[in-house]
């Protein structure tokens, strides 16, 4: 029962991810999404778009990474992609959070789920490259659908988006090409600064 209690404690701790608000709007622009919605949306994207991964991927493994990739934000908070100051301390904050949160689980399981998070962060496996690509593309899709709400709010330049997405094509060239066309359209429409 101790093992089960530790697992339930972890599951209940993860409920807090629903309170972490991101800068990305919902597609209708009515509000900003939370981390749980983001992770769910990425999981659906993975199921639907896996055929566009540059290399074959293990679907279950990739979904595990997607579900674990933002749990550290329970402690570390969401650092906006284009927040220069916040990104300077992001890694340190997230490592500390990972140490605490994953170790709520029983030994062995804690290491297994932490490894999923580490693998996502390192971005070296086909699964991690694809999951990271989806993590970058999902906000582009939502910003496009909402007519650039977040891009306009933060006065984002094309160069910032391209820099953030330098490795996105490493996971999926096809979906990145699609997203790149959306970015260009938003530049033309004035939602992204040239």
C-alpha atoms as a PDB file:
ATOM      1  CA  UNK A   1       0.000   0.000   0.000  1.00  0.00           C
ATOM      2  CA  UNK A   2       2.934   2.365   0.516  1.00  0.00           C
ATOM      3  CA  UNK A   3       3.839   2.099  -3.182  1.00  0.00           C
ATOM      4  CA  UNK A   4       0.247   2.776  -4.212  1.00  0.00           C
ATOM      5  CA  UNK A   5       0.060   5.771  -1.867  1.00  0.00           C
ATOM      6  CA  UNK A   6       3.251   7.253  -3.386  1.00  0.00           C
ATOM      7  CA  UNK A   7       1.805   6.800  -6.871  1.00  0.00           C
ATOM      8  CA  UNK A   8      -1.491   8.430  -5.868  1.00  0.00           C
ATOM      9  CA  UNK A   9       0.441  11.298  -4.236  1.00  0.00           C
ATOM     10  CA  UNK A  10       2.315  11.845  -7.530  1.00  0.00           C
ATOM     11  CA  UNK A  11      -0.912  11.749  -9.539  1.00  0.00           C
ATOM     12  CA  UNK A  12      -2.549  14.267  -7.217  1.00  0.00           C
ATOM     13  CA  UNK A  13       0.536  16.525  -7.310  1.00  0.00           C
ATOM     14  CA  UNK A  14       0.273  16.567 -11.101  1.00  0.00           C
ATOM     15  CA  UNK A  15      -3.258  17.954 -10.818  1.00  0.00           C
ATOM     16  CA  UNK A  16      -1.512  21.272 -10.106  1.00  0.00           C
ATOM     17  CA  UNK A  17      -0.396  21.426 -13.751  1.00  0.00           C
ATOM     18  CA  UNK A  18      -3.947  22.511 -14.588  1.00  0.00           C
ATOM     19  CA  UNK A  19      -3.238  25.824 -12.823  1.00  0.00           C
ATOM     20  CA  UNK A  20      -0.090  26.678 -14.835  1.00  0.00           C
ATOM     21  CA  UNK A  21      -1.220  29.224 -17.422  1.00  0.00           C
ATOM     22  CA  UNK A  22       0.821  29.562 -20.596  1.00  0.00           C
ATOM     23  CA  UNK A  23       1.081  32.545 -22.947  1.00  0.00           C
ATOM     24  CA  UNK A  24      -0.475  30.623 -25.846  1.00  0.00           C
ATOM     25  CA  UNK A  25      -4.144  31.390 -26.494  1.00  0.00           C
ATOM     26  CA  UNK A  26      -6.847  28.862 -27.235  1.00  0.00           C
ATOM     27  CA  UNK A  27      -7.662  28.745 -30.933  1.00  0.00           C
ATOM     28  CA  UNK A  28     -10.589  31.150 -30.473  1.00  0.00           C
ATOM     29  CA  UNK A  29      -8.397  33.605 -28.546  1.00  0.00           C
ATOM     30  CA  UNK A  30     -10.851  33.651 -25.618  1.00  0.00           C
ATOM     31  CA  UNK A  31      -8.227  32.812 -22.975  1.00  0.00           C
ATOM     32  CA  UNK A  32      -4.775  31.336 -22.537  1.00  0.00           C
ATOM     33  CA  UNK A  33      -4.325  27.589 -22.316  1.00  0.00           C
ATOM     34  CA  UNK A  34      -2.928  25.804 -19.280  1.00  0.00           C
ATOM     35  CA  UNK A  35      -0.150  23.206 -19.218  1.00  0.00           C
ATOM     36  CA  UNK A  36      -2.558  20.255 -18.962  1.00  0.00           C
ATOM     37  CA  UNK A  37      -4.392  21.415 -22.086  1.00  0.00           C
ATOM     38  CA  UNK A  38      -1.083  21.913 -23.867  1.00  0.00           C
ATOM     39  CA  UNK A  39       0.143  18.408 -23.017  1.00  0.00           C
ATOM     40  CA  UNK A  40      -3.174  16.839 -24.030  1.00  0.00           C
ATOM     41  CA  UNK A  41      -3.129  18.726 -27.334  1.00  0.00           C
ATOM     42  CA  UNK A  42       0.430  17.585 -28.022  1.00  0.00           C
ATOM     43  CA  UNK A  43      -0.537  13.972 -27.242  1.00  0.00           C
ATOM     44  CA  UNK A  44      -3.360  14.171 -29.786  1.00  0.00           C
ATOM     45  CA  UNK A  45      -0.967  15.731 -32.306  1.00  0.00           C
ATOM     46  CA  UNK A  46       1.439  12.842 -31.731  1.00  0.00           C
ATOM     47  CA  UNK A  47      -1.286  10.239 -32.355  1.00  0.00           C
ATOM     48  CA  UNK A  48      -2.499  11.980 -35.508  1.00  0.00           C
ATOM     49  CA  UNK A  49       0.796  13.221 -36.999  1.00  0.00           C
ATOM     50  CA  UNK A  50       3.227  10.396 -36.118  1.00  0.00           C
ATOM     51  CA  UNK A  51       3.443   9.416 -39.792  1.00  0.00           C
ATOM     52  CA  UNK A  52       5.251  12.726 -40.416  1.00  0.00           C
ATOM     53  CA  UNK A  53       8.089  12.044 -37.986  1.00  0.00           C
ATOM     54  CA  UNK A  54      11.381  12.064 -39.869  1.00  0.00           C
ATOM     55  CA  UNK A  55      12.239   8.676 -38.379  1.00  0.00           C
ATOM     56  CA  UNK A  56      10.070   5.836 -37.046  1.00  0.00           C
ATOM     57  CA  UNK A  57       9.068   6.464 -33.423  1.00  0.00           C
ATOM     58  CA  UNK A  58       7.811   4.359 -30.542  1.00  0.00           C
ATOM     59  CA  UNK A  59       4.387   5.924 -30.005  1.00  0.00           C
ATOM     60  CA  UNK A  60       3.966   4.922 -26.351  1.00  0.00           C
ATOM     61  CA  UNK A  61       7.439   6.175 -25.471  1.00  0.00           C
ATOM     62  CA  UNK A  62       6.824   9.478 -27.242  1.00  0.00           C
ATOM     63  CA  UNK A  63       3.476   9.936 -25.509  1.00  0.00           C
ATOM     64  CA  UNK A  64       5.172   9.312 -22.158  1.00  0.00           C
ATOM     65  CA  UNK A  65       7.648  12.096 -22.875  1.00  0.00           C
ATOM     66  CA  UNK A  66       4.868  14.430 -23.952  1.00  0.00           C
ATOM     67  CA  UNK A  67       2.888  13.777 -20.770  1.00  0.00           C
ATOM     68  CA  UNK A  68       5.939  14.347 -18.553  1.00  0.00           C
ATOM     69  CA  UNK A  69       7.632  17.238 -20.379  1.00  0.00           C
ATOM     70  CA  UNK A  70       5.940  20.109 -18.530  1.00  0.00           C
ATOM     71  CA  UNK A  71       5.261  18.607 -15.076  1.00  0.00           C
ATOM     72  CA  UNK A  72       8.287  20.497 -13.726  1.00  0.00           C
ATOM     73  CA  UNK A  73       6.390  23.733 -14.322  1.00  0.00           C
ATOM     74  CA  UNK A  74       4.347  22.926 -11.201  1.00  0.00           C
ATOM     75  CA  UNK A  75       7.356  24.280  -9.262  1.00  0.00           C
ATOM     76  CA  UNK A  76       9.313  26.164 -11.929  1.00  0.00           C
ATOM     77  CA  UNK A  77       6.378  27.953 -13.563  1.00  0.00           C
ATOM     78  CA  UNK A  78       5.938  28.373 -17.292  1.00  0.00           C
ATOM     79  CA  UNK A  79       8.754  30.371 -18.816  1.00  0.00           C
ATOM     80  CA  UNK A  80       7.513  32.162 -21.907  1.00  0.00           C
ATOM     81  CA  UNK A  81       9.463  31.090 -24.972  1.00  0.00           C
ATOM     82  CA  UNK A  82      10.652  34.633 -25.690  1.00  0.00           C
ATOM     83  CA  UNK A  83      11.375  35.712 -22.095  1.00  0.00           C
ATOM     84  CA  UNK A  84      15.137  36.286 -22.215  1.00  0.00           C
ATOM     85  CA  UNK A  85      15.596  36.850 -18.477  1.00  0.00           C
ATOM     86  CA  UNK A  86      13.359  33.939 -17.489  1.00  0.00           C
ATOM     87  CA  UNK A  87      15.144  31.581 -19.834  1.00  0.00           C
ATOM     88  CA  UNK A  88      18.473  32.347 -18.129  1.00  0.00           C
ATOM     89  CA  UNK A  89      17.293  30.576 -14.942  1.00  0.00           C
ATOM     90  CA  UNK A  90      14.848  28.120 -16.511  1.00  0.00           C
ATOM     91  CA  UNK A  91      17.140  25.066 -16.581  1.00  0.00           C
ATOM     92  CA  UNK A  92      18.152  25.433 -12.926  1.00  0.00           C
ATOM     93  CA  UNK A  93      14.538  25.908 -11.787  1.00  0.00           C
ATOM     94  CA  UNK A  94      13.317  22.950 -13.823  1.00  0.00           C
ATOM     95  CA  UNK A  95      16.075  20.591 -12.648  1.00  0.00           C
ATOM     96  CA  UNK A  96      15.225  21.383  -9.039  1.00  0.00           C
ATOM     97  CA  UNK A  97      11.536  20.794  -9.757  1.00  0.00           C
ATOM     98  CA  UNK A  98      12.259  17.488 -11.508  1.00  0.00           C
ATOM     99  CA  UNK A  99      14.257  16.288  -8.512  1.00  0.00           C
ATOM    100  CA  UNK A 100      11.329  16.950  -6.181  1.00  0.00           C
ATOM    101  CA  UNK A 101       8.335  15.981  -8.302  1.00  0.00           C
ATOM    102  CA  UNK A 102       9.560  12.734  -9.849  1.00  0.00           C
ATOM    103  CA  UNK A 103      10.842  11.514  -6.494  1.00  0.00           C
ATOM    104  CA  UNK A 104       7.323  11.513  -5.107  1.00  0.00           C
ATOM    105  CA  UNK A 105       7.054   8.196  -6.965  1.00  0.00           C
ATOM    106  CA  UNK A 106       8.416   4.879  -5.698  1.00  0.00           C
ATOM    107  CA  UNK A 107      12.063   4.183  -6.455  1.00  0.00           C
ATOM    108  CA  UNK A 108      12.481   2.725  -9.933  1.00  0.00           C
ATOM    109  CA  UNK A 109       9.319   4.321 -11.255  1.00  0.00           C
ATOM    110  CA  UNK A 110      10.675   7.738 -10.260  1.00  0.00           C
ATOM    111  CA  UNK A 111      13.827   7.107 -12.283  1.00  0.00           C
ATOM    112  CA  UNK A 112      11.876   5.782 -15.281  1.00  0.00           C
ATOM    113  CA  UNK A 113       9.617   8.840 -15.544  1.00  0.00           C
ATOM    114  CA  UNK A 114      12.493  11.215 -14.816  1.00  0.00           C
ATOM    115  CA  UNK A 115      14.392   9.595 -17.698  1.00  0.00           C
ATOM    116  CA  UNK A 116      11.477  10.442 -20.009  1.00  0.00           C
ATOM    117  CA  UNK A 117      11.756  14.083 -18.957  1.00  0.00           C
ATOM    118  CA  UNK A 118      15.550  14.071 -19.362  1.00  0.00           C
ATOM    119  CA  UNK A 119      15.271  12.468 -22.790  1.00  0.00           C
ATOM    120  CA  UNK A 120      12.806  15.131 -23.926  1.00  0.00           C
ATOM    121  CA  UNK A 121      15.124  17.869 -22.667  1.00  0.00           C
ATOM    122  CA  UNK A 122      18.184  16.386 -24.397  1.00  0.00           C
ATOM    123  CA  UNK A 123      16.321  15.978 -27.704  1.00  0.00           C
ATOM    124  CA  UNK A 124      18.674  13.325 -29.084  1.00  0.00           C
ATOM    125  CA  UNK A 125      16.387  10.367 -29.864  1.00  0.00           C
ATOM    126  CA  UNK A 126      13.877  10.226 -32.757  1.00  0.00           C
ATOM    127  CA  UNK A 127      11.064  10.279 -30.178  1.00  0.00           C
ATOM    128  CA  UNK A 128      12.504  13.304 -28.377  1.00  0.00           C
ATOM    129  CA  UNK A 129      13.097  15.192 -31.621  1.00  0.00           C
ATOM    130  CA  UNK A 130       9.502  14.570 -32.719  1.00  0.00           C
ATOM    131  CA  UNK A 131       8.050  15.476 -29.295  1.00  0.00           C
ATOM    132  CA  UNK A 132      10.121  18.673 -29.216  1.00  0.00           C
ATOM    133  CA  UNK A 133       8.955  19.576 -32.710  1.00  0.00           C
ATOM    134  CA  UNK A 134       5.326  19.195 -31.640  1.00  0.00           C
ATOM    135  CA  UNK A 135       6.035  21.336 -28.568  1.00  0.00           C
ATOM    136  CA  UNK A 136       7.228  24.140 -30.843  1.00  0.00           C
ATOM    137  CA  UNK A 137       4.557  23.723 -33.541  1.00  0.00           C
ATOM    138  CA  UNK A 138       1.502  23.527 -31.257  1.00  0.00           C
ATOM    139  CA  UNK A 139       1.765  27.209 -30.173  1.00  0.00           C
ATOM    140  CA  UNK A 140       2.225  28.250 -33.810  1.00  0.00           C
ATOM    141  CA  UNK A 141      -1.037  26.520 -34.742  1.00  0.00           C
ATOM    142  CA  UNK A 142      -2.912  28.180 -31.863  1.00  0.00           C
ATOM    143  CA  UNK A 143      -1.415  31.609 -32.497  1.00  0.00           C
ATOM    144  CA  UNK A 144      -2.323  31.347 -36.176  1.00  0.00           C
ATOM    145  CA  UNK A 145      -5.901  30.260 -35.350  1.00  0.00           C
ATOM    146  CA  UNK A 146      -6.312  33.159 -32.907  1.00  0.00           C
ATOM    147  CA  UNK A 147      -4.992  35.690 -35.454  1.00  0.00           C
ATOM    148  CA  UNK A 148      -1.706  36.176 -33.652  1.00  0.00           C
ATOM    149  CA  UNK A 149      -3.089  37.162 -30.245  1.00  0.00           C
ATOM    150  CA  UNK A 150       0.032  36.214 -28.278  1.00  0.00           C
ATOM    151  CA  UNK A 151       2.486  37.268 -30.993  1.00  0.00           C
ATOM    152  CA  UNK A 152       0.900  40.726 -31.113  1.00  0.00           C
ATOM    153  CA  UNK A 153       0.633  41.015 -27.319  1.00  0.00           C
ATOM    154  CA  UNK A 154       4.361  40.355 -26.930  1.00  0.00           C
ATOM    155  CA  UNK A 155       5.432  42.081 -30.182  1.00  0.00           C
ATOM    156  CA  UNK A 156       7.221  38.987 -31.457  1.00  0.00           C
ATOM    157  CA  UNK A 157       9.567  39.256 -34.437  1.00  0.00           C
ATOM    158  CA  UNK A 158      10.015  36.662 -37.151  1.00  0.00           C
ATOM    159  CA  UNK A 159      13.681  36.213 -36.175  1.00  0.00           C
ATOM    160  CA  UNK A 160      12.643  35.192 -32.635  1.00  0.00           C
ATOM    161  CA  UNK A 161      10.302  32.501 -33.938  1.00  0.00           C
ATOM    162  CA  UNK A 162      12.867  31.190 -36.408  1.00  0.00           C
ATOM    163  CA  UNK A 163      15.557  31.067 -33.719  1.00  0.00           C
ATOM    164  CA  UNK A 164      13.260  29.134 -31.382  1.00  0.00           C
ATOM    165  CA  UNK A 165      12.495  26.683 -34.171  1.00  0.00           C
ATOM    166  CA  UNK A 166      16.039  26.067 -35.423  1.00  0.00           C
ATOM    167  CA  UNK A 167      15.746  22.329 -34.699  1.00  0.00           C
ATOM    168  CA  UNK A 168      12.028  21.801 -35.294  1.00  0.00           C
ATOM    169  CA  UNK A 169      12.573  20.289 -38.733  1.00  0.00           C
ATOM    170  CA  UNK A 170      14.850  17.684 -37.108  1.00  0.00           C
ATOM    171  CA  UNK A 171      11.697  16.030 -35.734  1.00  0.00           C
ATOM    172  CA  UNK A 172       9.311  16.555 -38.643  1.00  0.00           C
ATOM    173  CA  UNK A 173      10.231  18.376 -41.818  1.00  0.00           C
ATOM    174  CA  UNK A 174       6.713  18.077 -43.241  1.00  0.00           C
ATOM    175  CA  UNK A 175       4.829  19.578 -40.293  1.00  0.00           C
ATOM    176  CA  UNK A 176       7.505  22.249 -39.819  1.00  0.00           C
ATOM    177  CA  UNK A 177       7.099  23.251 -43.474  1.00  0.00           C
ATOM    178  CA  UNK A 178       3.359  23.569 -42.901  1.00  0.00           C
ATOM    179  CA  UNK A 179       3.933  25.682 -39.759  1.00  0.00           C
ATOM    180  CA  UNK A 180       6.542  27.796 -41.560  1.00  0.00           C
ATOM    181  CA  UNK A 181       3.924  28.733 -44.164  1.00  0.00           C
ATOM    182  CA  UNK A 182       1.571  29.811 -41.351  1.00  0.00           C
ATOM    183  CA  UNK A 183       4.333  31.955 -39.876  1.00  0.00           C
ATOM    184  CA  UNK A 184       4.916  33.668 -43.232  1.00  0.00           C
ATOM    185  CA  UNK A 185       1.182  34.305 -43.569  1.00  0.00           C
ATOM    186  CA  UNK A 186       1.135  35.937 -40.111  1.00  0.00           C
ATOM    187  CA  UNK A 187       4.069  38.154 -41.040  1.00  0.00           C
ATOM    188  CA  UNK A 188       2.172  39.309 -44.135  1.00  0.00           C
ATOM    189  CA  UNK A 189      -0.940  39.965 -42.018  1.00  0.00           C
ATOM    190  CA  UNK A 190       1.035  41.974 -39.452  1.00  0.00           C
ATOM    191  CA  UNK A 191       0.601  39.571 -36.512  1.00  0.00           C
ATOM    192  CA  UNK A 192       4.359  38.900 -36.420  1.00  0.00           C
ATOM    193  CA  UNK A 193       6.858  41.743 -36.769  1.00  0.00           C
ATOM    194  CA  UNK A 194       9.226  41.303 -39.738  1.00  0.00           C
END
